[in-house]
């Protein structure tokens, strides 16, 4: 089951580490901020959960959170 990767936009400074660790799911805009490659909520499939956890752990601004499952309500 895919898990949502949530970005805290108040904390993110667009350093790009998440895009480096999850290039299949996250790109960067022209200012370096993360963008979902699908254009929607970043859903992490089971095979990419390990690099997603690494991105959450290594984010220098603690701006990432991996939710329990895709049914978790995402608010903006």
N, C-alpha and C. Protein backbone atom coordinates (compact mmCIF):
# COMPACT_ATOMS: atom_id res chain seq x y z
N UNK A 1 0.84 -1.18 0.00
CA UNK A 1 0.00 0.00 0.00
C UNK A 1 0.89 1.25 0.00
N UNK A 2 0.56 2.19 -0.82
CA UNK A 2 1.32 3.44 -0.91
C UNK A 2 1.08 4.31 0.32
N UNK A 3 2.12 5.03 0.71
CA UNK A 3 2.04 5.92 1.87
C UNK A 3 2.32 7.35 1.42
N UNK A 4 1.52 8.31 1.86
CA UNK A 4 1.75 9.71 1.49
C UNK A 4 3.00 10.28 2.16
N UNK A 5 3.78 11.00 1.38
CA UNK A 5 4.92 11.74 1.90
C UNK A 5 4.48 13.20 1.97
N UNK A 6 4.42 13.73 3.18
CA UNK A 6 3.90 15.07 3.41
C UNK A 6 5.06 16.06 3.55
N UNK A 7 4.95 17.18 2.86
CA UNK A 7 5.95 18.24 2.94
C UNK A 7 5.39 19.38 3.77
N UNK A 8 6.13 19.78 4.78
CA UNK A 8 5.75 20.94 5.61
C UNK A 8 6.33 22.17 4.92
N UNK A 9 5.47 22.89 4.21
CA UNK A 9 5.93 24.03 3.41
C UNK A 9 6.43 25.18 4.27
N UNK A 10 6.04 25.24 5.53
CA UNK A 10 6.54 26.31 6.40
C UNK A 10 7.97 26.04 6.84
N UNK A 11 8.40 24.78 6.78
CA UNK A 11 9.76 24.42 7.18
C UNK A 11 10.71 24.25 5.99
N UNK A 12 10.19 23.83 4.84
CA UNK A 12 11.02 23.54 3.67
C UNK A 12 11.73 24.80 3.17
N UNK A 13 13.02 24.64 2.89
CA UNK A 13 13.82 25.73 2.31
C UNK A 13 14.30 25.40 0.90
N UNK A 14 13.82 24.32 0.33
CA UNK A 14 14.16 23.98 -1.05
C UNK A 14 15.60 23.57 -1.25
N UNK A 15 16.15 22.81 -0.33
CA UNK A 15 17.55 22.39 -0.46
C UNK A 15 17.74 21.23 -1.43
N UNK A 16 16.66 20.47 -1.70
CA UNK A 16 16.71 19.45 -2.76
C UNK A 16 17.11 18.05 -2.36
N UNK A 17 17.36 17.81 -1.09
CA UNK A 17 17.78 16.47 -0.68
C UNK A 17 16.71 15.43 -0.99
N UNK A 18 15.45 15.77 -0.75
CA UNK A 18 14.37 14.80 -1.02
C UNK A 18 14.31 14.45 -2.50
N UNK A 19 14.52 15.42 -3.36
CA UNK A 19 14.52 15.17 -4.81
C UNK A 19 15.71 14.31 -5.21
N UNK A 20 16.84 14.49 -4.54
CA UNK A 20 18.02 13.66 -4.82
C UNK A 20 17.79 12.21 -4.40
N UNK A 21 17.12 12.01 -3.26
CA UNK A 21 16.91 10.67 -2.73
C UNK A 21 15.71 9.95 -3.35
N UNK A 22 14.74 10.71 -3.86
CA UNK A 22 13.53 10.12 -4.45
C UNK A 22 13.25 10.71 -5.84
N UNK A 23 14.19 10.60 -6.77
CA UNK A 23 13.99 11.22 -8.08
C UNK A 23 12.81 10.65 -8.86
N UNK A 24 12.40 9.42 -8.52
CA UNK A 24 11.25 8.82 -9.20
C UNK A 24 9.94 9.53 -8.84
N UNK A 25 9.90 10.14 -7.65
CA UNK A 25 8.66 10.73 -7.14
C UNK A 25 8.69 12.25 -7.03
N UNK A 26 9.89 12.81 -6.81
CA UNK A 26 9.99 14.24 -6.52
C UNK A 26 10.97 14.91 -7.47
N UNK A 27 10.52 15.99 -8.08
CA UNK A 27 11.37 16.86 -8.88
C UNK A 27 11.55 18.17 -8.12
N UNK A 28 12.10 19.17 -8.79
CA UNK A 28 12.29 20.47 -8.17
C UNK A 28 11.77 21.56 -9.10
N UNK A 29 11.19 22.59 -8.49
CA UNK A 29 10.78 23.73 -9.31
C UNK A 29 12.00 24.62 -9.57
N UNK A 30 11.81 25.74 -10.25
CA UNK A 30 12.96 26.57 -10.62
C UNK A 30 13.65 27.22 -9.43
N UNK A 31 13.03 27.19 -8.25
CA UNK A 31 13.64 27.74 -7.04
C UNK A 31 14.24 26.65 -6.15
N UNK A 32 14.11 25.39 -6.58
CA UNK A 32 14.68 24.28 -5.83
C UNK A 32 13.71 23.58 -4.89
N UNK A 33 12.48 24.05 -4.83
CA UNK A 33 11.49 23.43 -3.95
C UNK A 33 10.96 22.14 -4.56
N UNK A 34 10.61 21.17 -3.71
CA UNK A 34 10.14 19.88 -4.22
C UNK A 34 8.79 19.98 -4.91
N UNK A 35 8.63 19.16 -5.94
CA UNK A 35 7.38 19.04 -6.68
C UNK A 35 7.10 17.56 -6.91
N UNK A 36 5.86 17.18 -6.71
CA UNK A 36 5.47 15.82 -7.03
C UNK A 36 5.56 15.62 -8.54
N UNK A 37 6.16 14.55 -8.97
CA UNK A 37 6.24 14.27 -10.40
C UNK A 37 4.87 13.93 -10.98
N UNK A 38 3.96 13.46 -10.11
CA UNK A 38 2.61 13.12 -10.58
C UNK A 38 1.68 14.32 -10.58
N UNK A 39 2.10 15.42 -9.94
CA UNK A 39 1.25 16.60 -9.86
C UNK A 39 0.25 16.54 -8.72
N UNK A 40 0.30 15.48 -7.95
CA UNK A 40 -0.61 15.30 -6.81
C UNK A 40 0.21 15.00 -5.57
N UNK A 41 -0.47 14.56 -4.51
CA UNK A 41 0.22 14.15 -3.29
C UNK A 41 1.27 13.10 -3.65
N UNK A 42 2.44 13.20 -3.03
CA UNK A 42 3.50 12.23 -3.27
C UNK A 42 3.11 10.94 -2.55
N UNK A 43 2.81 9.90 -3.32
CA UNK A 43 2.49 8.59 -2.76
C UNK A 43 3.68 7.67 -2.94
N UNK A 44 4.18 7.15 -1.83
CA UNK A 44 5.38 6.32 -1.84
C UNK A 44 4.98 4.85 -1.91
N UNK A 45 5.31 4.17 -3.01
CA UNK A 45 5.01 2.74 -3.09
C UNK A 45 5.96 1.95 -2.19
N UNK A 46 5.58 0.73 -1.82
CA UNK A 46 6.41 -0.07 -0.90
C UNK A 46 7.87 -0.19 -1.32
N UNK A 47 8.13 -0.30 -2.62
CA UNK A 47 9.52 -0.48 -3.07
C UNK A 47 10.38 0.77 -2.89
N UNK A 48 9.78 1.92 -2.66
CA UNK A 48 10.53 3.16 -2.44
C UNK A 48 10.43 3.67 -1.00
N UNK A 49 9.89 2.83 -0.12
CA UNK A 49 9.72 3.26 1.26
C UNK A 49 11.06 3.49 1.96
N UNK A 50 12.04 2.66 1.67
CA UNK A 50 13.35 2.82 2.32
C UNK A 50 13.99 4.17 1.98
N UNK A 51 14.11 4.55 0.69
CA UNK A 51 14.67 5.88 0.41
C UNK A 51 13.78 7.01 0.92
N UNK A 52 12.47 6.79 1.00
CA UNK A 52 11.58 7.82 1.54
C UNK A 52 11.85 8.03 3.03
N UNK A 53 12.03 6.94 3.76
CA UNK A 53 12.36 7.06 5.19
C UNK A 53 13.71 7.77 5.37
N UNK A 54 14.65 7.47 4.48
CA UNK A 54 15.95 8.12 4.54
C UNK A 54 15.80 9.62 4.30
N UNK A 55 14.98 10.01 3.33
CA UNK A 55 14.74 11.43 3.05
C UNK A 55 14.13 12.12 4.26
N UNK A 56 13.16 11.46 4.90
CA UNK A 56 12.53 12.03 6.10
C UNK A 56 13.59 12.23 7.19
N UNK A 57 14.41 11.22 7.39
CA UNK A 57 15.43 11.26 8.44
C UNK A 57 16.50 12.31 8.17
N UNK A 58 16.89 12.48 6.91
CA UNK A 58 18.00 13.37 6.57
C UNK A 58 17.59 14.80 6.21
N UNK A 59 16.32 15.06 6.07
CA UNK A 59 15.89 16.42 5.70
C UNK A 59 16.45 17.43 6.71
N UNK A 60 17.26 18.38 6.26
CA UNK A 60 17.90 19.31 7.19
C UNK A 60 16.91 20.24 7.90
N UNK A 61 15.72 20.42 7.36
CA UNK A 61 14.72 21.30 7.98
C UNK A 61 13.57 20.52 8.62
N UNK A 62 13.69 19.18 8.65
CA UNK A 62 12.65 18.32 9.22
C UNK A 62 11.28 18.62 8.60
N UNK A 63 11.29 18.82 7.29
CA UNK A 63 10.09 19.24 6.57
C UNK A 63 9.32 18.09 5.94
N UNK A 64 9.74 16.86 6.18
CA UNK A 64 9.07 15.70 5.57
C UNK A 64 8.49 14.79 6.64
N UNK A 65 7.36 14.18 6.29
CA UNK A 65 6.72 13.21 7.18
C UNK A 65 6.10 12.13 6.31
N UNK A 66 6.34 10.88 6.67
CA UNK A 66 5.76 9.75 5.95
C UNK A 66 4.54 9.27 6.74
N UNK A 67 3.35 9.40 6.15
CA UNK A 67 2.10 9.02 6.82
C UNK A 67 1.95 7.51 6.86
N UNK A 68 1.06 7.05 7.71
CA UNK A 68 0.84 5.62 7.91
C UNK A 68 0.31 4.92 6.66
N UNK A 69 -0.65 5.53 5.96
CA UNK A 69 -1.19 4.92 4.75
C UNK A 69 -1.87 5.97 3.90
N UNK A 70 -2.26 5.57 2.71
CA UNK A 70 -2.85 6.51 1.75
C UNK A 70 -4.23 6.99 2.15
N UNK A 71 -4.86 6.35 3.12
CA UNK A 71 -6.18 6.77 3.57
C UNK A 71 -6.11 7.93 4.56
N UNK A 72 -4.90 8.25 5.04
CA UNK A 72 -4.73 9.36 5.97
C UNK A 72 -5.16 10.65 5.29
N UNK A 73 -5.92 11.44 5.96
CA UNK A 73 -6.41 12.69 5.37
C UNK A 73 -5.26 13.69 5.28
N UNK A 74 -5.09 14.26 4.12
CA UNK A 74 -4.05 15.26 3.88
C UNK A 74 -4.73 16.62 3.82
N UNK A 75 -4.30 17.53 4.68
CA UNK A 75 -4.85 18.88 4.67
C UNK A 75 -3.76 19.86 4.31
N UNK A 76 -4.13 20.95 3.70
CA UNK A 76 -3.14 21.91 3.25
C UNK A 76 -3.15 23.18 3.93
